[in-house]
Amino acid sequence: MRGTGGLQKILYLIMLVLGAYILYKSGCILLDSAVAQRALDAGEVQRNMEDAAMRTYAPGYTAAVEGQGMPNWLAEWMRQVVPVYSYLAEGQAGENAGAAQEDANAGQAGQRLEPQTEKVSANAGQGVGQRPGAQTESWIERPDTEQTKAAVKDGTDEIGESGRVNKAGKATESGEADEEGRITEANKTSESDKAAESDQTTESDLPVSSRAVVSEQLLTQLSDFGYLLSHYYTVDEGTMADAQLLDANVLLQTDMGLVKDPSVPQILIYHTHSQEAFADSREGETQDTIVGMGEMLAEELRNTYGYQVIHDTGVYDLVDGVIDRSAAYDYARGAVEQILQEHPTIEVIIDLHRDGVEGEKFVTEIDGKPTSMIMFFNGISRDSADQPLSWLQNPYTQDNLAFSLQLQLAAEELYPGFTRNIYLKAERFNLHLRPRSLLVEAGTQLNTVEEEQNAMRPLAALLDHVLSGS
């Protein structure tokens, strides 16, 4: 009978453990629900409860997993006997290791640029700082499936063209640093760098298109990374731009001109976000949307400058009647690649957008007409630790940057006040398809159709200036 009593106690203990396990799993299912996650601040409370339970009921195993002195055999034994605590302790150890790695990355990033929060001017977007209203739109690309699998396997799934785990740099199409970031001691010119400045680019070294708008004095100023960054760029907080990437001497010496051949298509205009409209756009009128602006730009390039232009009016951001701007870059990429295969003579690709900035309208005056301001945008495939995004490679990043900077400088000379700062962001945005790939933001949702239309003529003139060198 005494043996029977002992067996009953063992059975009761097993039942108690099983009951606790069932309660735990039930709690996990409840806490994993969307409603509970929102109520518990995106799961923070759940993780804290798991951590507390682990440390209370399995302190020995916690110490073993975290390497605080307990022998490894204890950890191995507990893995087999108590899988619940194995899950909890290993998860906590992984979080600790991840936090340590993030701290190390933050330390590296701090050696280059530190974030600023100065707001961009509503008029010209001059100076460094955060893009106003950057959080109002989602500008995210998705990586190719196989690339994504490889990234996850390597533990690098923090960011993708469909979004990223690290939300520090919201995936807006315009960017923020280290927000442009302040320049630290590591970026200041060393004595050896100063000595090398005597061998810097001269005006005569520049291609014709740059030579017409860049004086010797301006060229000297642009050779200063701090000046270049603060006067011409806005950098997304989810990425980083250094002096090697933004070397004005290199960017301005890159010849972006092409030999015009009206007999074949050389320019492609398309719209990843075709549904973008303006303050007074008429419902159902395509000509009042960004697609209508693209047709005006195409006509100006054809009729005034003699280029053969393909204007793709495909819809990539509307799926089953629902706007999906996150997936739009995937759909657009496939279509553009097909067009390039059919027309290999295309050398210039323009993705024309309308920006979305809460409460902001960007307008200037050109030839006495109210004109929407434009912004050139570059996806540079680099993260906030200044590391390349291996699953979003772009062999033409430097060419893309050269194209936008030369256009920016031409605008400064020919149409002062027409452009906002060039925006740099981590992802790629399909700018890897050709060296002369350009993403342009024309105005915002608060600009009028007339203001947008008035912007297409000077934009076409700038494109021809850089492409033809005239």
Foldseek 3Di string as FASTA:
>chain_A
DVVVVVVVVVVVVVVVVVVVVVVVVVVVVVCPDPVNCVVVVNCPVVLVVLQVVLCVPPVLLLCLLLVPDHDVVVVVVCCVVPVSSNVSSNVVSVVVVVVVVVVVLVVLLVQFFAADADEQDLEFRAFFHDDFQQPVDAAAAAFPPVLCVVCVVVVNQQAGSLGGVDPQFHRGQFAAASFLGDGDPNQDDDPVNVVCCVVFDALVLFFLLLSVQAHRVNLSQQQRVRSVSTGFETEHHFFDDGCVLRHVRLLRNDAQADDADLVAAAEEEEALAQPAAADPQDPPDSCRGQLVLQVLLQCLCCPVVNHHYHYDYDHQQADPNDGHSSHSLVVVLVVVVVVCVVGVNHAAYEHEAAHAHPPGWYWDADPRDIAWAKEWEFAQQGGSSRHHPVSQDAPQRSLCVSLRVSLVSVCCRPPNSRYHHYGYYNHGSSQRPHNNYIYMHTIHRHDGSRNSNVSSNVVSVSVCCSHVSD
